């Protein structure tokens, strides 16, 4: 179950990262009582802030569940690697970024490392 928590935490971390990308503190100054209740005006201003808070809390919650069941070093390595892979996939899918052969190679190395931690180093995953 810890591995599922890590993947869920990585998804939340990825969403949190994009919330940070689109969050502008200066945009909150544009929010007034007159446009607060107009969804088409307030939602674009508030969505990154709400995402920052909700995705950040979700990330911390699921990561904390995972580190209670597995070693912190393994959990952190897998969480970081999975987040990096998910960010790259999101950039490709949603932001039309390109990918190079070097990107594919190094992402493959990250995935091989995750699989190595999961399948070939079982004694690391036990918390005493």
Protein backbone atom coordinates (compact mmCIF):
# COMPACT_ATOMS: atom_id res chain seq x y z
CA UNK A 1 0.00 0.00 0.00
CA UNK A 2 2.96 2.33 0.59
CA UNK A 3 3.82 2.28 -3.11
CA UNK A 4 0.30 3.40 -3.99
CA UNK A 5 0.60 6.24 -1.47
CA UNK A 6 3.89 7.28 -3.06
CA UNK A 7 2.33 7.41 -6.54
CA UNK A 8 -0.67 9.38 -5.24
CA UNK A 9 1.69 11.78 -3.46
CA UNK A 10 3.68 12.18 -6.69
CA UNK A 11 0.49 13.04 -8.60
CA UNK A 12 -0.37 15.65 -5.97
CA UNK A 13 3.19 17.01 -6.10
CA UNK A 14 2.98 17.30 -9.88
CA UNK A 15 -0.30 19.20 -9.66
CA UNK A 16 1.19 21.36 -6.88
CA UNK A 17 4.18 22.18 -9.08
CA UNK A 18 1.95 23.42 -11.88
CA UNK A 19 -0.13 25.38 -9.36
CA UNK A 20 3.07 27.14 -8.30
CA UNK A 21 3.91 27.78 -11.96
CA UNK A 22 0.60 29.58 -12.57
CA UNK A 23 0.24 31.27 -9.16
CA UNK A 24 0.87 35.00 -9.14
CA UNK A 25 0.49 36.81 -5.86
CA UNK A 26 -0.03 40.08 -7.73
CA UNK A 27 -3.19 38.63 -9.36
CA UNK A 28 -4.87 38.43 -5.96
CA UNK A 29 -4.83 42.24 -5.84
CA UNK A 30 -7.23 42.20 -8.79
CA UNK A 31 -9.76 40.29 -6.71
CA UNK A 32 -12.41 42.60 -5.25
CA UNK A 33 -15.82 42.13 -3.66
CA UNK A 34 -17.44 43.10 -6.95
CA UNK A 35 -15.81 40.31 -8.97
CA UNK A 36 -15.36 37.72 -6.20
CA UNK A 37 -18.75 36.13 -6.85
CA UNK A 38 -18.36 36.10 -10.63
CA UNK A 39 -16.90 32.70 -11.41
CA UNK A 40 -15.50 33.75 -14.77
CA UNK A 41 -13.50 36.55 -13.10
CA UNK A 42 -12.56 35.10 -9.71
CA UNK A 43 -11.87 31.46 -10.56
CA UNK A 44 -8.85 32.15 -12.81
CA UNK A 45 -7.40 34.27 -9.99
CA UNK A 46 -8.15 31.84 -7.16
CA UNK A 47 -7.60 28.46 -8.85
CA UNK A 48 -3.78 28.46 -8.59
CA UNK A 49 -3.94 29.46 -4.91
CA UNK A 50 -6.55 26.82 -4.11
CA UNK A 51 -4.53 24.24 -6.06
CA UNK A 52 -1.39 25.25 -4.18
CA UNK A 53 -3.11 24.65 -0.85
CA UNK A 54 -5.12 21.51 -1.69
CA UNK A 55 -2.45 19.73 -3.71
CA UNK A 56 0.22 20.64 -1.15
CA UNK A 57 -1.82 19.21 1.72
CA UNK A 58 -2.68 16.08 -0.29
CA UNK A 59 0.96 15.58 -1.16
CA UNK A 60 2.12 15.85 2.44
CA UNK A 61 -0.68 13.58 3.67
CA UNK A 62 -0.03 10.71 1.25
CA UNK A 63 3.74 11.01 1.54
CA UNK A 64 3.45 10.81 5.32
CA UNK A 65 1.34 7.65 5.00
CA UNK A 66 4.00 6.11 2.76
CA UNK A 67 6.98 6.85 5.01
CA UNK A 68 5.25 5.12 7.91
CA UNK A 69 5.34 1.87 5.96
CA UNK A 70 8.71 2.03 4.17
CA UNK A 71 12.13 3.54 4.65
CA UNK A 72 12.30 7.28 4.20
CA UNK A 73 15.24 7.14 1.79
CA UNK A 74 13.42 4.79 -0.56
CA UNK A 75 10.16 6.70 -0.27
CA UNK A 76 11.84 10.02 -1.01
CA UNK A 77 13.79 8.63 -3.97
CA UNK A 78 10.72 7.05 -5.54
CA UNK A 79 8.52 10.08 -4.82
CA UNK A 80 11.03 12.47 -6.37
CA UNK A 81 11.62 10.28 -9.42
CA UNK A 82 7.93 9.65 -10.01
CA UNK A 83 7.23 13.36 -9.71
CA UNK A 84 9.92 14.19 -12.26
CA UNK A 85 8.51 11.66 -14.71
CA UNK A 86 4.95 12.90 -14.21
CA UNK A 87 6.00 16.52 -14.71
CA UNK A 88 7.70 15.62 -17.98
CA UNK A 89 4.64 13.66 -19.15
CA UNK A 90 2.36 16.59 -18.22
CA UNK A 91 4.60 19.01 -20.13
CA UNK A 92 4.41 16.77 -23.18
CA UNK A 93 0.67 16.22 -22.96
CA UNK A 94 -0.66 19.60 -21.88
CA UNK A 95 1.97 22.16 -22.84
CA UNK A 96 3.22 20.76 -26.16
CA UNK A 97 6.83 20.61 -25.04
CA UNK A 98 9.23 18.47 -27.00
CA UNK A 99 11.27 15.54 -25.77
CA UNK A 100 14.76 14.59 -26.84
CA UNK A 101 16.45 11.22 -26.92
CA UNK A 102 18.55 12.31 -23.95
CA UNK A 103 15.33 12.99 -22.00
CA UNK A 104 14.01 9.54 -22.88
CA UNK A 105 17.29 7.92 -21.88
CA UNK A 106 17.56 9.61 -18.51
CA UNK A 107 13.88 9.17 -17.68
CA UNK A 108 14.37 5.49 -18.48
CA UNK A 109 17.27 5.40 -16.02
CA UNK A 110 15.02 6.94 -13.38
CA UNK A 111 12.35 4.30 -14.03
CA UNK A 112 14.95 1.51 -13.88
CA UNK A 113 16.07 2.89 -10.52
CA UNK A 114 12.51 2.91 -9.20
CA UNK A 115 11.96 -0.66 -10.34
CA UNK A 116 15.25 -1.65 -8.73
CA UNK A 117 14.15 -0.17 -5.43
CA UNK A 118 10.80 -1.90 -5.67
CA UNK A 119 11.77 -5.38 -6.86
CA UNK A 120 15.46 -5.99 -6.24
CA UNK A 121 16.13 -4.36 -2.87
CA UNK A 122 13.31 -5.69 -0.67
CA UNK A 123 15.22 -5.35 2.61
CA UNK A 124 15.36 -1.55 2.25
CA UNK A 125 11.60 -1.27 2.16
CA UNK A 126 11.04 -2.58 5.68
CA UNK A 127 10.75 -0.07 8.48
CA UNK A 128 12.12 -1.48 11.76
